[in-house]
Amino acid sequence: MITRDHEHRPWWPALKAKMVVRNPSIATRPFQVGPPPSPIRIAFVGNHFARKGGCVAVRIAELAARRGIPVEVHIVSGLEMGAAVWTDPTRDTFFDPYRRLLDRPNVTLHPTLPNREVLDLLGTMHFSVLTTFSDTFGYSALESMACGTPVIASRQGALPEFIHDGVNGIMLDLPTNPWGEWVHGGHTGRHTVAYEAIVRDDIERLAEEALTAVERHLSDDDGYRRMRRAAYEEIETRFDIPSSSAFWDDLYQQAISNGR
């Protein structure tokens, strides 16, 4: 996005030469390679409920119950949605069907949890959900993987850079532009019936595809164990704290030396 916005400016080459991309760092947590006990447990963590995939998560719960699939969905969210969120339809009653699903017997809502308890919860899940319509990175996905819990994610933003479908998580497609952003982001007609239909259709498709993928991967116990291990190792190798600390220490020393 920075390149897109500034590459035609005369000072861009000088700025680009000074830039370096660094992943965030996160501590891993102890986890069991084997799957958690039944039933299937899925978590969603995100204050912007609709934008980040909460509607998808509760629809997964409903679809699973209809099909007799034992699924529990845990929602950790303040349930912010609607006009104030840039991807959401502006009509507040649009979300009423999804709010009602929060009362389902196989859905548990946690309006707020301390971060340590969120991580503890993620560690007991089979999968977490981040089927987001707009995210630059998606730090909650890293927190999930640091517990060895694979993520069901949308192919948007930076998520495809570290979540690999069928290897360390489940990746679901969204229609995106050349910069990896949802093509309907920034839509000027969020108040329209047409936009509501776009959002509703994507929620429904993502929920269907997610549940199908969960069933498929959990039917292969060895494959799912490899997925959990791969999710954990992705954090260990690309987002570890020691190498990040060493990088910033070296950069600091270079800056001091150059300033002398």
C-alpha atoms as a PDB file:
ATOM      1  CA  MET A   1       0.000   0.000   0.000  1.00  0.00           C
ATOM      2  CA  ILE A   2       2.861   2.388   0.796  1.00  0.00           C
ATOM      3  CA  THR A   3       4.405   1.673  -2.603  1.00  0.00           C
ATOM      4  CA  ARG A   4       1.081   2.161  -4.357  1.00  0.00           C
ATOM      5  CA  ASP A   5       0.440   5.507  -2.673  1.00  0.00           C
ATOM      6  CA  HIS A   6       3.920   7.006  -3.023  1.00  0.00           C
ATOM      7  CA  GLU A   7       5.860   5.369  -5.862  1.00  0.00           C
ATOM      8  CA  HIS A   8       5.311   8.323  -8.223  1.00  0.00           C
ATOM      9  CA  ARG A   9       6.590  10.936  -5.786  1.00  0.00           C
ATOM     10  CA  PRO A  10      10.089  12.313  -6.386  1.00  0.00           C
ATOM     11  CA  TRP A  11      11.338  11.445  -2.905  1.00  0.00           C
ATOM     12  CA  TRP A  12      10.123   7.812  -3.053  1.00  0.00           C
ATOM     13  CA  PRO A  13      13.460   6.199  -4.132  1.00  0.00           C
ATOM     14  CA  ALA A  14      15.282   7.768  -1.186  1.00  0.00           C
ATOM     15  CA  LEU A  15      12.587   6.679   1.243  1.00  0.00           C
ATOM     16  CA  LYS A  16      12.358   3.160  -0.191  1.00  0.00           C
ATOM     17  CA  ALA A  17      16.099   2.670   0.239  1.00  0.00           C
ATOM     18  CA  LYS A  18      15.695   3.195   3.983  1.00  0.00           C
ATOM     19  CA  MET A  19      12.757   0.826   4.402  1.00  0.00           C
ATOM     20  CA  VAL A  20      12.844  -2.743   5.646  1.00  0.00           C
ATOM     21  CA  VAL A  21       9.907  -5.065   6.270  1.00  0.00           C
ATOM     22  CA  ARG A  22       9.889  -6.872   9.596  1.00  0.00           C
ATOM     23  CA  ASN A  23       7.320  -9.327  10.879  1.00  0.00           C
ATOM     24  CA  PRO A  24       5.958  -8.823  14.387  1.00  0.00           C
ATOM     25  CA  SER A  25       7.220 -11.167  17.075  1.00  0.00           C
ATOM     26  CA  ILE A  26       5.208 -13.324  19.445  1.00  0.00           C
ATOM     27  CA  ALA A  27       5.964 -15.879  22.130  1.00  0.00           C
ATOM     28  CA  THR A  28       4.873 -19.448  21.518  1.00  0.00           C
ATOM     29  CA  ARG A  29       2.964 -21.366  24.176  1.00  0.00           C
ATOM     30  CA  PRO A  30       3.013 -25.036  25.161  1.00  0.00           C
ATOM     31  CA  PHE A  31       0.569 -27.062  23.101  1.00  0.00           C
ATOM     32  CA  GLN A  32      -0.432 -30.630  22.387  1.00  0.00           C
ATOM     33  CA  VAL A  33       0.142 -31.882  18.855  1.00  0.00           C
ATOM     34  CA  GLY A  34      -2.875 -34.148  19.148  1.00  0.00           C
ATOM     35  CA  PRO A  35      -6.315 -32.661  18.522  1.00  0.00           C
ATOM     36  CA  PRO A  36      -8.383 -31.376  21.446  1.00  0.00           C
ATOM     37  CA  PRO A  37     -11.136 -33.712  22.616  1.00  0.00           C
ATOM     38  CA  SER A  38     -14.564 -33.698  20.973  1.00  0.00           C
ATOM     39  CA  PRO A  39     -16.704 -31.810  20.183  1.00  0.00           C
ATOM     40  CA  ILE A  40     -15.119 -29.708  17.454  1.00  0.00           C
ATOM     41  CA  ARG A  41     -14.194 -26.376  19.017  1.00  0.00           C
ATOM     42  CA  ILE A  42     -13.858 -23.190  16.973  1.00  0.00           C
ATOM     43  CA  ALA A  43     -13.046 -19.700  18.264  1.00  0.00           C
ATOM     44  CA  PHE A  44     -13.498 -16.205  16.892  1.00  0.00           C
ATOM     45  CA  VAL A  45     -11.584 -13.322  18.500  1.00  0.00           C
ATOM     46  CA  GLY A  46     -12.198  -9.761  17.358  1.00  0.00           C
ATOM     47  CA  ASN A  47     -13.963  -6.649  18.586  1.00  0.00           C
ATOM     48  CA  HIS A  48     -15.186  -5.720  15.085  1.00  0.00           C
ATOM     49  CA  PHE A  49     -17.555  -8.654  14.903  1.00  0.00           C
ATOM     50  CA  ALA A  50     -18.720  -8.549  11.285  1.00  0.00           C
ATOM     51  CA  ARG A  51     -15.580  -7.180   9.640  1.00  0.00           C
ATOM     52  CA  LYS A  52     -13.285  -9.854  11.077  1.00  0.00           C
ATOM     53  CA  GLY A  53     -15.546 -12.866  10.560  1.00  0.00           C
ATOM     54  CA  GLY A  54     -17.806 -13.226  13.578  1.00  0.00           C
ATOM     55  CA  CYS A  55     -20.887 -13.562  11.376  1.00  0.00           C
ATOM     56  CA  VAL A  56     -19.147 -16.406   9.565  1.00  0.00           C
ATOM     57  CA  ALA A  57     -18.317 -18.100  12.868  1.00  0.00           C
ATOM     58  CA  VAL A  58     -21.905 -18.104  14.182  1.00  0.00           C
ATOM     59  CA  ARG A  59     -23.209 -19.289  10.812  1.00  0.00           C
ATOM     60  CA  ILE A  60     -20.754 -22.191  11.029  1.00  0.00           C
ATOM     61  CA  ALA A  61     -22.353 -23.063  14.373  1.00  0.00           C
ATOM     62  CA  GLU A  62     -25.849 -22.976  12.889  1.00  0.00           C
ATOM     63  CA  LEU A  63     -24.937 -24.997   9.802  1.00  0.00           C
ATOM     64  CA  ALA A  64     -23.158 -27.607  11.913  1.00  0.00           C
ATOM     65  CA  ALA A  65     -26.165 -28.029  14.211  1.00  0.00           C
ATOM     66  CA  ARG A  66     -28.503 -28.475  11.256  1.00  0.00           C
ATOM     67  CA  ARG A  67     -26.250 -31.194   9.857  1.00  0.00           C
ATOM     68  CA  GLY A  68     -25.736 -32.968  13.160  1.00  0.00           C
ATOM     69  CA  ILE A  69     -22.028 -32.086  13.318  1.00  0.00           C
ATOM     70  CA  PRO A  70     -20.795 -31.611  16.918  1.00  0.00           C
ATOM     71  CA  VAL A  71     -19.361 -28.079  16.827  1.00  0.00           C
ATOM     72  CA  GLU A  72     -18.960 -25.538  19.621  1.00  0.00           C
ATOM     73  CA  VAL A  73     -18.165 -21.943  18.675  1.00  0.00           C
ATOM     74  CA  HIS A  74     -16.645 -19.506  21.166  1.00  0.00           C
ATOM     75  CA  ILE A  75     -16.933 -15.783  20.406  1.00  0.00           C
ATOM     76  CA  VAL A  76     -14.629 -13.294  22.140  1.00  0.00           C
ATOM     77  CA  SER A  77     -15.916  -9.900  21.051  1.00  0.00           C
ATOM     78  CA  GLY A  78     -17.407  -6.607  22.132  1.00  0.00           C
ATOM     79  CA  LEU A  79     -19.678  -7.057  19.088  1.00  0.00           C
ATOM     80  CA  GLU A  80     -18.932  -3.754  17.378  1.00  0.00           C
ATOM     81  CA  MET A  81     -20.641  -3.716  13.985  1.00  0.00           C
ATOM     82  CA  GLY A  82     -22.577  -1.417  11.715  1.00  0.00           C
ATOM     83  CA  ALA A  83     -22.125   2.064  10.287  1.00  0.00           C
ATOM     84  CA  ALA A  84     -19.002   2.946  12.304  1.00  0.00           C
ATOM     85  CA  VAL A  85     -17.052   0.006  10.796  1.00  0.00           C
ATOM     86  CA  TRP A  86     -15.851   0.711   7.269  1.00  0.00           C
ATOM     87  CA  THR A  87     -16.743  -2.677   5.746  1.00  0.00           C
ATOM     88  CA  ASP A  88     -20.166  -3.122   7.346  1.00  0.00           C
ATOM     89  CA  PRO A  89     -23.587  -2.341   5.912  1.00  0.00           C
ATOM     90  CA  THR A  90     -24.886   0.782   7.634  1.00  0.00           C
ATOM     91  CA  ARG A  91     -28.398  -0.516   8.391  1.00  0.00           C
ATOM     92  CA  ASP A  92     -28.137  -1.817  11.944  1.00  0.00           C
ATOM     93  CA  THR A  93     -30.962  -4.352  11.580  1.00  0.00           C
ATOM     94  CA  PHE A  94     -28.976  -6.103   8.836  1.00  0.00           C
ATOM     95  CA  PHE A  95     -27.045  -7.839  11.620  1.00  0.00           C
ATOM     96  CA  ASP A  96     -30.069  -9.004  13.637  1.00  0.00           C
ATOM     97  CA  PRO A  97     -30.028 -12.562  12.198  1.00  0.00           C
ATOM     98  CA  TYR A  98     -26.381 -12.931  13.227  1.00  0.00           C
ATOM     99  CA  ARG A  99     -26.981 -11.449  16.695  1.00  0.00           C
ATOM    100  CA  ARG A 100     -29.733 -14.028  17.266  1.00  0.00           C
ATOM    101  CA  LEU A 101     -27.290 -16.825  16.480  1.00  0.00           C
ATOM    102  CA  LEU A 102     -25.250 -15.780  19.526  1.00  0.00           C
ATOM    103  CA  ASP A 103     -28.029 -17.333  21.638  1.00  0.00           C
ATOM    104  CA  ARG A 104     -27.625 -20.769  20.077  1.00  0.00           C
ATOM    105  CA  PRO A 105     -26.797 -23.570  22.549  1.00  0.00           C
ATOM    106  CA  ASN A 106     -23.567 -24.367  20.659  1.00  0.00           C
ATOM    107  CA  VAL A 107     -22.338 -20.740  20.790  1.00  0.00           C
ATOM    108  CA  THR A 108     -20.643 -19.195  23.834  1.00  0.00           C
ATOM    109  CA  LEU A 109     -20.127 -15.427  23.954  1.00  0.00           C
ATOM    110  CA  HIS A 110     -17.277 -13.932  25.978  1.00  0.00           C
ATOM    111  CA  PRO A 111     -17.881 -10.139  25.824  1.00  0.00           C
ATOM    112  CA  THR A 112     -14.381  -9.547  27.157  1.00  0.00           C
ATOM    113  CA  LEU A 113     -11.450 -11.640  28.353  1.00  0.00           C
ATOM    114  CA  PRO A 114      -7.919 -10.757  29.494  1.00  0.00           C
ATOM    115  CA  ASN A 115      -5.351 -11.589  26.840  1.00  0.00           C
ATOM    116  CA  ARG A 116      -3.907 -14.476  28.849  1.00  0.00           C
ATOM    117  CA  GLU A 117      -7.350 -16.070  29.071  1.00  0.00           C
ATOM    118  CA  VAL A 118      -7.869 -15.533  25.335  1.00  0.00           C
ATOM    119  CA  LEU A 119      -4.643 -17.426  24.670  1.00  0.00           C
ATOM    120  CA  ASP A 120      -5.664 -20.170  27.085  1.00  0.00           C
ATOM    121  CA  LEU A 121      -8.966 -20.477  25.230  1.00  0.00           C
ATOM    122  CA  LEU A 122      -7.283 -20.562  21.804  1.00  0.00           C
ATOM    123  CA  GLY A 123      -5.059 -23.376  22.998  1.00  0.00           C
ATOM    124  CA  THR A 124      -8.130 -25.588  23.537  1.00  0.00           C
ATOM    125  CA  MET A 125      -9.564 -25.029  20.061  1.00  0.00           C
ATOM    126  CA  HIS A 126      -9.397 -27.130  16.908  1.00  0.00           C
ATOM    127  CA  PHE A 127      -9.476 -23.975  14.768  1.00  0.00           C
ATOM    128  CA  SER A 128      -9.865 -20.228  15.070  1.00  0.00           C
ATOM    129  CA  VAL A 129     -11.658 -18.000  12.551  1.00  0.00           C
ATOM    130  CA  LEU A 130     -10.345 -14.828  10.907  1.00  0.00           C
ATOM    131  CA  THR A 131     -12.399 -14.655   7.721  1.00  0.00           C
ATOM    132  CA  THR A 132     -11.850 -10.925   7.605  1.00  0.00           C
ATOM    133  CA  PHE A 133     -13.055  -8.474   4.989  1.00  0.00           C
ATOM    134  CA  SER A 134     -10.311  -5.987   5.824  1.00  0.00           C
ATOM    135  CA  ASP A 135      -7.107  -6.472   7.795  1.00  0.00           C
ATOM    136  CA  THR A 136      -3.550  -5.386   7.161  1.00  0.00           C
ATOM    137  CA  PHE A 137      -2.026  -8.278   9.101  1.00  0.00           C
ATOM    138  CA  GLY A 138      -4.333 -10.009  11.554  1.00  0.00           C
ATOM    139  CA  TYR A 139      -2.379 -10.370  14.801  1.00  0.00           C
ATOM    140  CA  SER A 140      -5.010 -12.652  16.345  1.00  0.00           C
ATOM    141  CA  ALA A 141      -4.059 -15.250  13.728  1.00  0.00           C
ATOM    142  CA  LEU A 142      -0.495 -15.224  15.084  1.00  0.00           C
ATOM    143  CA  GLU A 143      -1.781 -15.654  18.635  1.00  0.00           C
ATOM    144  CA  SER A 144      -3.801 -18.672  17.548  1.00  0.00           C
ATOM    145  CA  MET A 145      -0.913 -20.278  15.670  1.00  0.00           C
ATOM    146  CA  ALA A 146       1.420 -19.624  18.606  1.00  0.00           C
ATOM    147  CA  CYS A 147      -0.849 -21.998  20.546  1.00  0.00           C
ATOM    148  CA  GLY A 148      -0.692 -24.590  17.762  1.00  0.00           C
ATOM    149  CA  THR A 149      -4.261 -23.814  16.681  1.00  0.00           C
ATOM    150  CA  PRO A 150      -4.689 -23.506  12.896  1.00  0.00           C
ATOM    151  CA  VAL A 151      -6.601 -20.533  11.511  1.00  0.00           C
ATOM    152  CA  ILE A 152      -9.505 -20.474   9.065  1.00  0.00           C
ATOM    153  CA  ALA A 153      -8.698 -17.254   7.227  1.00  0.00           C
ATOM    154  CA  SER A 154      -9.729 -15.261   4.175  1.00  0.00           C
ATOM    155  CA  ARG A 155      -7.169 -14.722   1.421  1.00  0.00           C
ATOM    156  CA  GLN A 156      -6.829 -11.026   2.153  1.00  0.00           C
ATOM    157  CA  GLY A 157      -4.119  -8.597   3.259  1.00  0.00           C
ATOM    158  CA  ALA A 158      -0.979 -10.256   4.647  1.00  0.00           C
ATOM    159  CA  LEU A 159      -2.720 -13.452   5.804  1.00  0.00           C
ATOM    160  CA  PRO A 160      -1.688 -15.489   2.711  1.00  0.00           C
ATOM    161  CA  GLU A 161       1.951 -14.681   3.521  1.00  0.00           C
ATOM    162  CA  PHE A 162       1.965 -16.976   6.548  1.00  0.00           C
ATOM    163  CA  ILE A 163      -1.194 -19.109   6.377  1.00  0.00           C
ATOM    164  CA  HIS A 164      -0.866 -21.820   3.743  1.00  0.00           C
ATOM    165  CA  ASP A 165      -4.018 -23.691   2.821  1.00  0.00           C
ATOM    166  CA  GLY A 166      -4.008 -27.307   3.950  1.00  0.00           C
ATOM    167  CA  VAL A 167      -0.515 -26.978   5.427  1.00  0.00           C
ATOM    168  CA  ASN A 168      -0.772 -24.809   8.541  1.00  0.00           C
ATOM    169  CA  GLY A 169      -4.344 -23.575   8.250  1.00  0.00           C
ATOM    170  CA  ILE A 170      -7.361 -23.173   5.994  1.00  0.00           C
ATOM    171  CA  MET A 171      -7.403 -20.352   3.442  1.00  0.00           C
ATOM    172  CA  LEU A 172     -10.708 -19.286   1.866  1.00  0.00           C
ATOM    173  CA  ASP A 173     -10.873 -17.052  -1.185  1.00  0.00           C
ATOM    174  CA  LEU A 174     -12.285 -13.546  -1.302  1.00  0.00           C
ATOM    175  CA  PRO A 175     -12.452 -11.446  -4.470  1.00  0.00           C
ATOM    176  CA  THR A 176      -9.471  -9.107  -4.104  1.00  0.00           C
ATOM    177  CA  ASN A 177      -7.775  -6.321  -6.057  1.00  0.00           C
ATOM    178  CA  PRO A 178      -4.100  -6.386  -7.147  1.00  0.00           C
ATOM    179  CA  TRP A 179      -3.043  -5.267  -3.652  1.00  0.00           C
ATOM    180  CA  GLY A 180      -4.791  -8.154  -1.898  1.00  0.00           C
ATOM    181  CA  GLU A 181      -7.695  -6.072  -0.582  1.00  0.00           C
ATOM    182  CA  TRP A 182     -11.339  -7.151  -0.733  1.00  0.00           C
ATOM    183  CA  VAL A 183     -12.673  -5.622  -3.947  1.00  0.00           C
ATOM    184  CA  HIS A 184     -15.728  -4.211  -2.169  1.00  0.00           C
ATOM    185  CA  GLY A 185     -13.760  -2.445   0.563  1.00  0.00           C
ATOM    186  CA  GLY A 186     -14.424   1.285   0.560  1.00  0.00           C
ATOM    187  CA  HIS A 187     -17.752   0.762  -1.211  1.00  0.00           C
ATOM    188  CA  THR A 188     -19.665   4.061  -1.299  1.00  0.00           C
ATOM    189  CA  GLY A 189     -23.057   2.359  -1.204  1.00  0.00           C
ATOM    190  CA  ARG A 190     -22.900   0.607   2.170  1.00  0.00           C
ATOM    191  CA  HIS A 191     -26.479   1.741   2.800  1.00  0.00           C
ATOM    192  CA  THR A 192     -27.817  -0.061  -0.267  1.00  0.00           C
ATOM    193  CA  VAL A 193     -29.596  -3.380  -0.631  1.00  0.00           C
ATOM    194  CA  ALA A 194     -27.041  -4.343  -3.289  1.00  0.00           C
ATOM    195  CA  TYR A 195     -24.138  -3.973  -0.865  1.00  0.00           C
ATOM    196  CA  GLU A 196     -25.985  -5.896   1.825  1.00  0.00           C
ATOM    197  CA  ALA A 197     -26.451  -8.742  -0.653  1.00  0.00           C
ATOM    198  CA  ILE A 198     -22.706  -8.765  -1.426  1.00  0.00           C
ATOM    199  CA  VAL A 199     -21.802  -9.015   2.264  1.00  0.00           C
ATOM    200  CA  ARG A 200     -24.486 -11.602   3.031  1.00  0.00           C
ATOM    201  CA  ASP A 201     -23.471 -13.782   0.090  1.00  0.00           C
ATOM    202  CA  ASP A 202     -19.800 -13.729   1.090  1.00  0.00           C
ATOM    203  CA  ILE A 203     -20.658 -14.562   4.715  1.00  0.00           C
ATOM    204  CA  GLU A 204     -22.776 -17.525   3.615  1.00  0.00           C
ATOM    205  CA  ARG A 205     -20.191 -18.835   1.167  1.00  0.00           C
ATOM    206  CA  LEU A 206     -17.335 -18.525   3.652  1.00  0.00           C
ATOM    207  CA  ALA A 207     -19.325 -20.328   6.361  1.00  0.00           C
ATOM    208  CA  GLU A 208     -20.213 -23.201   4.026  1.00  0.00           C
ATOM    209  CA  GLU A 209     -16.654 -23.556   2.754  1.00  0.00           C
ATOM    210  CA  ALA A 210     -15.197 -23.307   6.249  1.00  0.00           C
ATOM    211  CA  LEU A 211     -17.384 -26.072   7.691  1.00  0.00           C
ATOM    212  CA  THR A 212     -16.666 -28.332   4.719  1.00  0.00           C
ATOM    213  CA  ALA A 213     -12.918 -27.756   5.126  1.00  0.00           C
ATOM    214  CA  VAL A 214     -13.046 -28.388   8.893  1.00  0.00           C
ATOM    215  CA  GLU A 215     -14.800 -31.727   8.364  1.00  0.00           C
ATOM    216  CA  ARG A 216     -12.326 -32.732   5.684  1.00  0.00           C
ATOM    217  CA  HIS A 217      -9.206 -31.925   7.666  1.00  0.00           C
ATOM    218  CA  LEU A 218     -10.436 -33.391  10.949  1.00  0.00           C
ATOM    219  CA  SER A 219     -11.294 -36.648   9.199  1.00  0.00           C
ATOM    220  CA  ASP A 220      -7.542 -37.115   8.631  1.00  0.00           C
ATOM    221  CA  ASP A 221      -6.092 -37.330  12.130  1.00  0.00           C
ATOM    222  CA  ASP A 222      -2.444 -37.522  11.038  1.00  0.00           C
ATOM    223  CA  GLY A 223      -2.886 -34.681   8.567  1.00  0.00           C
ATOM    224  CA  TYR A 224      -4.524 -32.504  11.202  1.00  0.00           C
ATOM    225  CA  ARG A 225      -1.688 -33.214  13.644  1.00  0.00           C
ATOM    226  CA  ARG A 226       0.781 -32.074  10.953  1.00  0.00           C
ATOM    227  CA  MET A 227      -1.279 -28.935  10.434  1.00  0.00           C
ATOM    228  CA  ARG A 228      -1.120 -28.079  14.136  1.00  0.00           C
ATOM    229  CA  ARG A 229       2.631 -28.643  14.192  1.00  0.00           C
ATOM    230  CA  ALA A 230       3.106 -26.560  11.037  1.00  0.00           C
ATOM    231  CA  ALA A 231       1.072 -23.687  12.486  1.00  0.00           C
ATOM    232  CA  TYR A 232       3.237 -23.687  15.605  1.00  0.00           C
ATOM    233  CA  GLU A 233       6.478 -23.938  13.630  1.00  0.00           C
ATOM    234  CA  GLU A 234       5.483 -21.006  11.410  1.00  0.00           C
ATOM    235  CA  ILE A 235       5.541 -18.821  14.508  1.00  0.00           C
ATOM    236  CA  GLU A 236       8.741 -20.387  15.841  1.00  0.00           C
ATOM    237  CA  THR A 237      10.653 -19.766  12.617  1.00  0.00           C
ATOM    238  CA  ARG A 238       9.252 -16.495  11.245  1.00  0.00           C
ATOM    239  CA  PHE A 239       7.900 -14.594  14.237  1.00  0.00           C
ATOM    240  CA  ASP A 240      10.235 -15.603  17.066  1.00  0.00           C
ATOM    241  CA  ILE A 241      11.290 -13.053  19.659  1.00  0.00           C
ATOM    242  CA  PRO A 242      15.071 -13.762  19.796  1.00  0.00           C
ATOM    243  CA  SER A 243      15.748 -13.009  16.122  1.00  0.00           C
ATOM    244  CA  SER A 244      13.514  -9.952  16.266  1.00  0.00           C
ATOM    245  CA  SER A 245      15.332  -8.629  19.332  1.00  0.00           C
ATOM    246  CA  ALA A 246      18.703  -9.229  17.653  1.00  0.00           C
ATOM    247  CA  PHE A 247      17.571  -7.335  14.540  1.00  0.00           C
ATOM    248  CA  TRP A 248      16.446  -4.275  16.485  1.00  0.00           C
ATOM    249  CA  ASP A 249      19.544  -4.313  18.686  1.00  0.00           C
ATOM    250  CA  ASP A 250      21.753  -4.377  15.574  1.00  0.00           C
ATOM    251  CA  LEU A 251      19.752  -1.608  13.924  1.00  0.00           C
ATOM    252  CA  TYR A 252      20.070   0.514  17.049  1.00  0.00           C
ATOM    253  CA  GLN A 253      23.813   0.012  17.135  1.00  0.00           C
ATOM    254  CA  GLN A 254      24.082   0.963  13.454  1.00  0.00           C
ATOM    255  CA  ALA A 255      22.082   4.116  14.061  1.00  0.00           C
ATOM    256  CA  ILE A 256      24.351   5.093  16.961  1.00  0.00           C
ATOM    257  CA  SER A 257      27.472   4.410  14.897  1.00  0.00           C
ATOM    258  CA  ASN A 258      26.192   6.415  11.928  1.00  0.00           C
ATOM    259  CA  GLY A 259      25.321   9.301  14.185  1.00  0.00           C
ATOM    260  CA  ARG A 260      28.786   9.661  15.573  1.00  0.00           C
END
